[in-house]
C-alpha cells in the first residue's frame, strides 16, 4: 500500500490536491493511505518551496501546484 501525504495548511488548493490524488488512486485501483500534514516543521522537512505539496512513499513529487490525475497515477506507479 502506498503512503500519500498532502502537505499544506488546509487551504482550498490543499483540499483540491487531496481530491485529485484520491480520485487518481481510486481510478487506478491503487490502495493508498492518505495523510494530511499541516505542521510547518514537518512540511519543511520535505524541502518544500511552496504548498500544496504531494509526497508519495516519502518522496516529494509535486509542490506549489495541482498536478493532473494522470501525473498522480504515474507517480503512484499505476
PDB file of N, CA and C in Angstrom:
ATOM      1  N   UNK A   1       0.844  -1.192   0.000  1.00  0.00           N
ATOM      2  CA  UNK A   1       0.000   0.000   0.000  1.00  0.00           C
ATOM      3  C   UNK A   1       0.885   1.250   0.000  1.00  0.00           C
ATOM      4  N   UNK A   2       0.496   2.225  -0.802  1.00  0.00           N
ATOM      5  CA  UNK A   2       1.228   3.480  -0.887  1.00  0.00           C
ATOM      6  C   UNK A   2       0.858   4.390   0.278  1.00  0.00           C
ATOM      7  N   UNK A   3       1.794   5.241   0.649  1.00  0.00           N
ATOM      8  CA  UNK A   3       1.514   6.298   1.604  1.00  0.00           C
ATOM      9  C   UNK A   3       1.575   7.607   0.836  1.00  0.00           C
ATOM     10  N   UNK A   4       0.458   8.336   0.851  1.00  0.00           N
ATOM     11  CA  UNK A   4       0.366   9.602   0.134  1.00  0.00           C
ATOM     12  C   UNK A   4       0.137  10.708   1.153  1.00  0.00           C
ATOM     13  N   UNK A   5       1.013  11.700   1.134  1.00  0.00           N
ATOM     14  CA  UNK A   5       0.875  12.811   2.076  1.00  0.00           C
ATOM     15  C   UNK A   5       0.563  14.090   1.318  1.00  0.00           C
ATOM     16  N   UNK A   6      -0.410  14.831   1.851  1.00  0.00           N
ATOM     17  CA  UNK A   6      -0.764  16.135   1.318  1.00  0.00           C
ATOM     18  C   UNK A   6      -0.149  17.153   2.275  1.00  0.00           C
ATOM     19  N   UNK A   7       0.780  17.958   1.777  1.00  0.00           N
ATOM     20  CA  UNK A   7       1.452  18.946   2.619  1.00  0.00           C
ATOM     21  C   UNK A   7       0.833  20.309   2.403  1.00  0.00           C
ATOM     22  N   UNK A   8       0.377  20.945   3.486  1.00  0.00           N
ATOM     23  CA  UNK A   8      -0.197  22.282   3.375  1.00  0.00           C
ATOM     24  C   UNK A   8      -1.030  22.634   4.583  1.00  0.00           C
ATOM     25  N   UNK A   9      -1.474  23.865   4.604  1.00  0.00           N
ATOM     26  CA  UNK A   9      -2.189  24.402   5.760  1.00  0.00           C
ATOM     27  C   UNK A   9      -3.657  23.996   5.808  1.00  0.00           C
ATOM     28  N   UNK A  10      -4.147  23.370   4.751  1.00  0.00           N
ATOM     29  CA  UNK A  10      -5.565  23.030   4.694  1.00  0.00           C
ATOM     30  C   UNK A  10      -6.327  24.017   3.831  1.00  0.00           C
ATOM     31  N   UNK A  11      -5.609  24.775   3.005  1.00  0.00           N
ATOM     32  CA  UNK A  11      -6.225  25.769   2.124  1.00  0.00           C
ATOM     33  C   UNK A  11      -7.032  25.076   1.008  1.00  0.00           C
ATOM     34  N   UNK A  12      -7.703  25.879   0.215  1.00  0.00           N
ATOM     35  CA  UNK A  12      -8.530  25.341  -0.875  1.00  0.00           C
ATOM     36  C   UNK A  12      -7.698  24.499  -1.837  1.00  0.00           C
ATOM     37  N   UNK A  13      -6.483  24.957  -2.170  1.00  0.00           N
ATOM     38  CA  UNK A  13      -5.637  24.198  -3.088  1.00  0.00           C
ATOM     39  C   UNK A  13      -5.205  22.871  -2.474  1.00  0.00           C
ATOM     40  N   UNK A  14      -4.973  22.863  -1.167  1.00  0.00           N
ATOM     41  CA  UNK A  14      -4.595  21.620  -0.486  1.00  0.00           C
ATOM     42  C   UNK A  14      -5.739  20.613  -0.578  1.00  0.00           C
ATOM     43  N   UNK A  15      -6.956  21.100  -0.381  1.00  0.00           N
ATOM     44  CA  UNK A  15      -8.130  20.221  -0.447  1.00  0.00           C
ATOM     45  C   UNK A  15      -8.325  19.708  -1.866  1.00  0.00           C
ATOM     46  N   UNK A  16      -8.080  20.577  -2.853  1.00  0.00           N
ATOM     47  CA  UNK A  16      -8.229  20.172  -4.254  1.00  0.00           C
ATOM     48  C   UNK A  16      -7.180  19.117  -4.607  1.00  0.00           C
ATOM     49  N   UNK A  17      -5.959  19.323  -4.137  1.00  0.00           N
ATOM     50  CA  UNK A  17      -4.889  18.357  -4.390  1.00  0.00           C
ATOM     51  C   UNK A  17      -5.246  16.999  -3.798  1.00  0.00           C
ATOM     52  N   UNK A  18      -5.782  17.008  -2.583  1.00  0.00           N
ATOM     53  CA  UNK A  18      -6.176  15.745  -1.951  1.00  0.00           C
ATOM     54  C   UNK A  18      -7.255  15.054  -2.778  1.00  0.00           C
ATOM     55  N   UNK A  19      -8.226  15.823  -3.258  1.00  0.00           N
ATOM     56  CA  UNK A  19      -9.305  15.244  -4.063  1.00  0.00           C
ATOM     57  C   UNK A  19      -8.753  14.625  -5.349  1.00  0.00           C
ATOM     58  N   UNK A  20      -7.840  15.327  -6.020  1.00  0.00           N
ATOM     59  CA  UNK A  20      -7.239  14.818  -7.262  1.00  0.00           C
ATOM     60  C   UNK A  20      -6.469  13.532  -6.976  1.00  0.00           C
ATOM     61  N   UNK A  21      -5.691  13.526  -5.898  1.00  0.00           N
ATOM     62  CA  UNK A  21      -4.888  12.348  -5.550  1.00  0.00           C
ATOM     63  C   UNK A  21      -5.781  11.151  -5.209  1.00  0.00           C
ATOM     64  N   UNK A  22      -6.847  11.400  -4.455  1.00  0.00           N
ATOM     65  CA  UNK A  22      -7.763  10.302  -4.097  1.00  0.00           C
ATOM     66  C   UNK A  22      -8.448   9.741  -5.342  1.00  0.00           C
ATOM     67  N   UNK A  23      -8.891  10.638  -6.239  1.00  0.00           N
ATOM     68  CA  UNK A  23      -9.546  10.188  -7.478  1.00  0.00           C
ATOM     69  C   UNK A  23      -8.567   9.390  -8.344  1.00  0.00           C
ATOM     70  N   UNK A  24      -7.324   9.844  -8.406  1.00  0.00           N
ATOM     71  CA  UNK A  24      -6.310   9.148  -9.206  1.00  0.00           C
ATOM     72  C   UNK A  24      -6.081   7.742  -8.657  1.00  0.00           C
ATOM     73  N   UNK A  25      -5.971   7.620  -7.345  1.00  0.00           N
ATOM     74  CA  UNK A  25      -5.754   6.301  -6.720  1.00  0.00           C
ATOM     75  C   UNK A  25      -6.946   5.392  -6.978  1.00  0.00           C
ATOM     76  N   UNK A  26      -8.144   5.930  -6.799  1.00  0.00           N
ATOM     77  CA  UNK A  26      -9.356   5.136  -6.997  1.00  0.00           C
ATOM     78  C   UNK A  26      -9.481   4.676  -8.443  1.00  0.00           C
ATOM     79  N   UNK A  27      -9.268   5.600  -9.387  1.00  0.00           N
ATOM     80  CA  UNK A  27      -9.425   5.246 -10.806  1.00  0.00           C
ATOM     81  C   UNK A  27      -8.356   4.264 -11.271  1.00  0.00           C
ATOM     82  N   UNK A  28      -7.198   4.269 -10.604  1.00  0.00           N
ATOM     83  CA  UNK A  28      -6.121   3.350 -10.979  1.00  0.00           C
ATOM     84  C   UNK A  28      -6.182   2.045 -10.190  1.00  0.00           C
ATOM     85  N   UNK A  29      -7.110   1.973  -9.243  1.00  0.00           N
ATOM     86  CA  UNK A  29      -7.223   0.772  -8.420  1.00  0.00           C
ATOM     87  C   UNK A  29      -6.049   0.601  -7.468  1.00  0.00           C
ATOM     88  N   UNK A  30      -5.435   1.722  -7.068  1.00  0.00           N
ATOM     89  CA  UNK A  30      -4.279   1.697  -6.172  1.00  0.00           C
ATOM     90  C   UNK A  30      -4.749   1.890  -4.733  1.00  0.00           C
ATOM     91  N   UNK A  31      -4.278   1.021  -3.856  1.00  0.00           N
ATOM     92  CA  UNK A  31      -4.615   1.156  -2.449  1.00  0.00           C
ATOM     93  C   UNK A  31      -3.616   2.117  -1.815  1.00  0.00           C
ATOM     94  N   UNK A  32      -4.119   3.179  -1.205  1.00  0.00           N
ATOM     95  CA  UNK A  32      -3.229   4.188  -0.636  1.00  0.00           C
ATOM     96  C   UNK A  32      -3.789   4.723   0.670  1.00  0.00           C
ATOM     97  N   UNK A  33      -2.874   5.060   1.562  1.00  0.00           N
ATOM     98  CA  UNK A  33      -3.241   5.707   2.817  1.00  0.00           C
ATOM     99  C   UNK A  33      -2.956   7.193   2.629  1.00  0.00           C
ATOM    100  N   UNK A  34      -3.952   8.028   2.917  1.00  0.00           N
ATOM    101  CA  UNK A  34      -3.803   9.470   2.734  1.00  0.00           C
ATOM    102  C   UNK A  34      -3.612  10.140   4.086  1.00  0.00           C
ATOM    103  N   UNK A  35      -2.573  10.959   4.174  1.00  0.00           N
ATOM    104  CA  UNK A  35      -2.244  11.653   5.419  1.00  0.00           C
ATOM    105  C   UNK A  35      -2.118  13.140   5.120  1.00  0.00           C
ATOM    106  N   UNK A  36      -2.816  13.965   5.916  1.00  0.00           N
ATOM    107  CA  UNK A  36      -2.683  15.412   5.769  1.00  0.00           C
ATOM    108  C   UNK A  36      -1.611  15.881   6.736  1.00  0.00           C
ATOM    109  N   UNK A  37      -0.641  16.613   6.220  1.00  0.00           N
ATOM    110  CA  UNK A  37       0.430  17.160   7.050  1.00  0.00           C
ATOM    111  C   UNK A  37       0.267  18.679   7.072  1.00  0.00           C
ATOM    112  N   UNK A  38      -0.087  19.220   8.242  1.00  0.00           N
ATOM    113  CA  UNK A  38      -0.326  20.659   8.347  1.00  0.00           C
ATOM    114  C   UNK A  38       0.722  21.362   9.212  1.00  0.00           C
ATOM    115  N   UNK A  39       1.528  20.599   9.929  1.00  0.00           N
ATOM    116  CA  UNK A  39       2.562  21.172  10.788  1.00  0.00           C
ATOM    117  C   UNK A  39       3.707  21.722   9.935  1.00  0.00           C
ATOM    118  N   UNK A  40       4.004  23.011  10.075  1.00  0.00           N
ATOM    119  CA  UNK A  40       5.013  23.645   9.218  1.00  0.00           C
ATOM    120  C   UNK A  40       6.396  23.012   9.359  1.00  0.00           C
ATOM    121  N   UNK A  41       6.772  22.606  10.559  1.00  0.00           N
ATOM    122  CA  UNK A  41       8.083  21.959  10.736  1.00  0.00           C
ATOM    123  C   UNK A  41       8.137  20.653   9.960  1.00  0.00           C
ATOM    124  N   UNK A  42       7.067  19.895  10.011  1.00  0.00           N
ATOM    125  CA  UNK A  42       7.005  18.625   9.278  1.00  0.00           C
ATOM    126  C   UNK A  42       7.019  18.876   7.773  1.00  0.00           C
ATOM    127  N   UNK A  43       6.329  19.917   7.328  1.00  0.00           N
ATOM    128  CA  UNK A  43       6.289  20.258   5.904  1.00  0.00           C
ATOM    129  C   UNK A  43       7.678  20.678   5.420  1.00  0.00           C
ATOM    130  N   UNK A  44       8.365  21.495   6.209  1.00  0.00           N
ATOM    131  CA  UNK A  44       9.683  21.988   5.802  1.00  0.00           C
ATOM    132  C   UNK A  44      10.720  20.864   5.731  1.00  0.00           C
ATOM    133  N   UNK A  45      10.478  19.774   6.431  1.00  0.00           N
ATOM    134  CA  UNK A  45      11.394  18.631   6.390  1.00  0.00           C
ATOM    135  C   UNK A  45      11.468  18.034   4.980  1.00  0.00           C
ATOM    136  N   UNK A  46      10.470  18.314   4.149  1.00  0.00           N
ATOM    137  CA  UNK A  46      10.439  17.787   2.781  1.00  0.00           C
ATOM    138  C   UNK A  46      11.077  18.742   1.775  1.00  0.00           C
ATOM    139  N   UNK A  47      11.701  19.834   2.262  1.00  0.00           N
ATOM    140  CA  UNK A  47      12.356  20.791   1.374  1.00  0.00           C
ATOM    141  C   UNK A  47      11.357  21.355   0.365  1.00  0.00           C
ATOM    142  N   UNK A  48      10.178  21.675   0.866  1.00  0.00           N
ATOM    143  CA  UNK A  48       9.083  22.179   0.041  1.00  0.00           C
ATOM    144  C   UNK A  48       9.211  23.687  -0.117  1.00  0.00           C
ATOM    145  N   UNK A  49       9.156  24.175  -1.340  1.00  0.00           N
ATOM    146  CA  UNK A  49       9.264  25.610  -1.586  1.00  0.00           C
ATOM    147  C   UNK A  49       7.923  26.303  -1.449  1.00  0.00           C
ATOM    148  N   UNK A  50       6.861  25.661  -1.904  1.00  0.00           N
ATOM    149  CA  UNK A  50       5.530  26.248  -1.757  1.00  0.00           C
ATOM    150  C   UNK A  50       4.487  25.145  -1.691  1.00  0.00           C
ATOM    151  N   UNK A  51       3.405  25.445  -0.978  1.00  0.00           N
ATOM    152  CA  UNK A  51       2.327  24.468  -0.827  1.00  0.00           C
ATOM    153  C   UNK A  51       1.306  24.691  -1.929  1.00  0.00           C
ATOM    154  N   UNK A  52       0.465  23.746  -2.258  1.00  0.00           N
ATOM    155  CA  UNK A  52       0.420  22.413  -1.634  1.00  0.00           C
ATOM    156  C   UNK A  52       1.523  21.501  -2.160  1.00  0.00           C
ATOM    157  N   UNK A  53       1.861  20.525  -1.358  1.00  0.00           N
ATOM    158  CA  UNK A  53       2.853  19.544  -1.760  1.00  0.00           C
ATOM    159  C   UNK A  53       2.270  18.150  -1.736  1.00  0.00           C
ATOM    160  N   UNK A  54       2.804  17.288  -2.588  1.00  0.00           N
ATOM    161  CA  UNK A  54       2.351  15.902  -2.644  1.00  0.00           C
ATOM    162  C   UNK A  54       3.562  14.992  -2.464  1.00  0.00           C
ATOM    163  N   UNK A  55       3.450  14.092  -1.506  1.00  0.00           N
ATOM    164  CA  UNK A  55       4.525  13.151  -1.211  1.00  0.00           C
ATOM    165  C   UNK A  55       3.977  11.736  -1.407  1.00  0.00           C
ATOM    166  N   UNK A  56       4.669  10.918  -2.197  1.00  0.00           N
ATOM    167  CA  UNK A  56       4.284   9.523  -2.403  1.00  0.00           C
ATOM    168  C   UNK A  56       5.418   8.657  -1.878  1.00  0.00           C
ATOM    169  N   UNK A  57       5.099   7.832  -0.877  1.00  0.00           N
ATOM    170  CA  UNK A  57       6.112   6.967  -0.241  1.00  0.00           C
ATOM    171  C   UNK A  57       7.372   7.750   0.140  1.00  0.00           C
ATOM    172  N   UNK A  58       7.164   8.858   0.831  1.00  0.00           N
ATOM    173  CA  UNK A  58       8.239   9.710   1.368  1.00  0.00           C
ATOM    174  C   UNK A  58       9.052  10.453   0.312  1.00  0.00           C
ATOM    175  N   UNK A  59       8.587  10.464  -0.936  1.00  0.00           N
ATOM    176  CA  UNK A  59       9.286  11.213  -1.989  1.00  0.00           C
ATOM    177  C   UNK A  59       8.404  12.382  -2.425  1.00  0.00           C
ATOM    178  N   UNK A  60       8.953  13.605  -2.322  1.00  0.00           N
ATOM    179  CA  UNK A  60       8.218  14.787  -2.760  1.00  0.00           C
ATOM    180  C   UNK A  60       8.116  14.757  -4.281  1.00  0.00           C
ATOM    181  N   UNK A  61       6.905  14.701  -4.812  1.00  0.00           N
ATOM    182  CA  UNK A  61       6.725  14.610  -6.265  1.00  0.00           C
ATOM    183  C   UNK A  61       6.143  15.880  -6.873  1.00  0.00           C
ATOM    184  N   UNK A  62       5.522  16.724  -6.041  1.00  0.00           N
ATOM    185  CA  UNK A  62       4.900  17.936  -6.570  1.00  0.00           C
ATOM    186  C   UNK A  62       4.843  18.995  -5.484  1.00  0.00           C
ATOM    187  N   UNK A  63       5.066  20.255  -5.887  1.00  0.00           N
ATOM    188  CA  UNK A  63       4.891  21.343  -4.925  1.00  0.00           C
ATOM    189  C   UNK A  63       4.436  22.607  -5.638  1.00  0.00           C
ATOM    190  N   UNK A  64       3.605  23.373  -4.955  1.00  0.00           N
ATOM    191  CA  UNK A  64       3.168  24.664  -5.471  1.00  0.00           C
ATOM    192  C   UNK A  64       2.168  24.631  -6.602  1.00  0.00           C
ATOM    193  N   UNK A  65       1.605  23.462  -6.891  1.00  0.00           N
ATOM    194  CA  UNK A  65       0.616  23.380  -7.981  1.00  0.00           C
ATOM    195  C   UNK A  65      -0.290  22.173  -7.764  1.00  0.00           C
ATOM    196  N   UNK A  66      -1.338  22.116  -8.575  1.00  0.00           N
ATOM    197  CA  UNK A  66      -2.242  20.971  -8.555  1.00  0.00           C
ATOM    198  C   UNK A  66      -1.905  20.126  -9.776  1.00  0.00           C
ATOM    199  N   UNK A  67      -1.304  18.947  -9.586  1.00  0.00           N
ATOM    200  CA  UNK A  67      -0.981  18.097 -10.743  1.00  0.00           C
ATOM    201  C   UNK A  67      -2.254  17.473 -11.331  1.00  0.00           C
ATOM    202  N   UNK A  68      -2.142  16.951 -12.536  1.00  0.00           N
ATOM    203  CA  UNK A  68      -3.280  16.261 -13.148  1.00  0.00           C
ATOM    204  C   UNK A  68      -3.407  14.859 -12.557  1.00  0.00           C
ATOM    205  N   UNK A  69      -4.568  14.266 -12.733  1.00  0.00           N
ATOM    206  CA  UNK A  69      -4.766  12.883 -12.263  1.00  0.00           C
ATOM    207  C   UNK A  69      -3.781  11.944 -12.944  1.00  0.00           C
ATOM    208  N   UNK A  70      -3.501  12.184 -14.229  1.00  0.00           N
ATOM    209  CA  UNK A  70      -2.570  11.318 -14.970  1.00  0.00           C
ATOM    210  C   UNK A  70      -1.177  11.383 -14.350  1.00  0.00           C
ATOM    211  N   UNK A  71      -0.740  12.579 -13.962  1.00  0.00           N
ATOM    212  CA  UNK A  71       0.571  12.723 -13.311  1.00  0.00           C
ATOM    213  C   UNK A  71       0.603  11.963 -11.993  1.00  0.00           C
ATOM    214  N   UNK A  72      -0.453  12.110 -11.208  1.00  0.00           N
ATOM    215  CA  UNK A  72      -0.518  11.455  -9.896  1.00  0.00           C
ATOM    216  C   UNK A  72      -0.503   9.938 -10.070  1.00  0.00           C
ATOM    217  N   UNK A  73      -1.263   9.440 -11.043  1.00  0.00           N
ATOM    218  CA  UNK A  73      -1.280   7.990 -11.293  1.00  0.00           C
ATOM    219  C   UNK A  73       0.118   7.492 -11.647  1.00  0.00           C
ATOM    220  N   UNK A  74       0.840   8.268 -12.451  1.00  0.00           N
ATOM    221  CA  UNK A  74       2.205   7.893 -12.853  1.00  0.00           C
ATOM    222  C   UNK A  74       3.111   7.823 -11.610  1.00  0.00           C
ATOM    223  N   UNK A  75       3.001   8.825 -10.724  1.00  0.00           N
ATOM    224  CA  UNK A  75       3.821   8.843  -9.501  1.00  0.00           C
ATOM    225  C   UNK A  75       3.477   7.671  -8.589  1.00  0.00           C
ATOM    226  N   UNK A  76       2.229   7.234  -8.665  1.00  0.00           N
ATOM    227  CA  UNK A  76       1.796   6.103  -7.835  1.00  0.00           C
ATOM    228  C   UNK A  76       2.207   4.769  -8.463  1.00  0.00           C
ATOM    229  N   UNK A  77       2.756   4.836  -9.654  1.00  0.00           N
ATOM    230  CA  UNK A  77       3.191   3.621 -10.327  1.00  0.00           C
ATOM    231  C   UNK A  77       2.069   2.851 -10.976  1.00  0.00           C
ATOM    232  N   UNK A  78       0.951   3.569 -11.226  1.00  0.00           N
ATOM    233  CA  UNK A  78      -0.208   2.895 -11.817  1.00  0.00           C
ATOM    234  C   UNK A  78      -0.224   3.064 -13.323  1.00  0.00           C
TER     235      UNK A  78
END
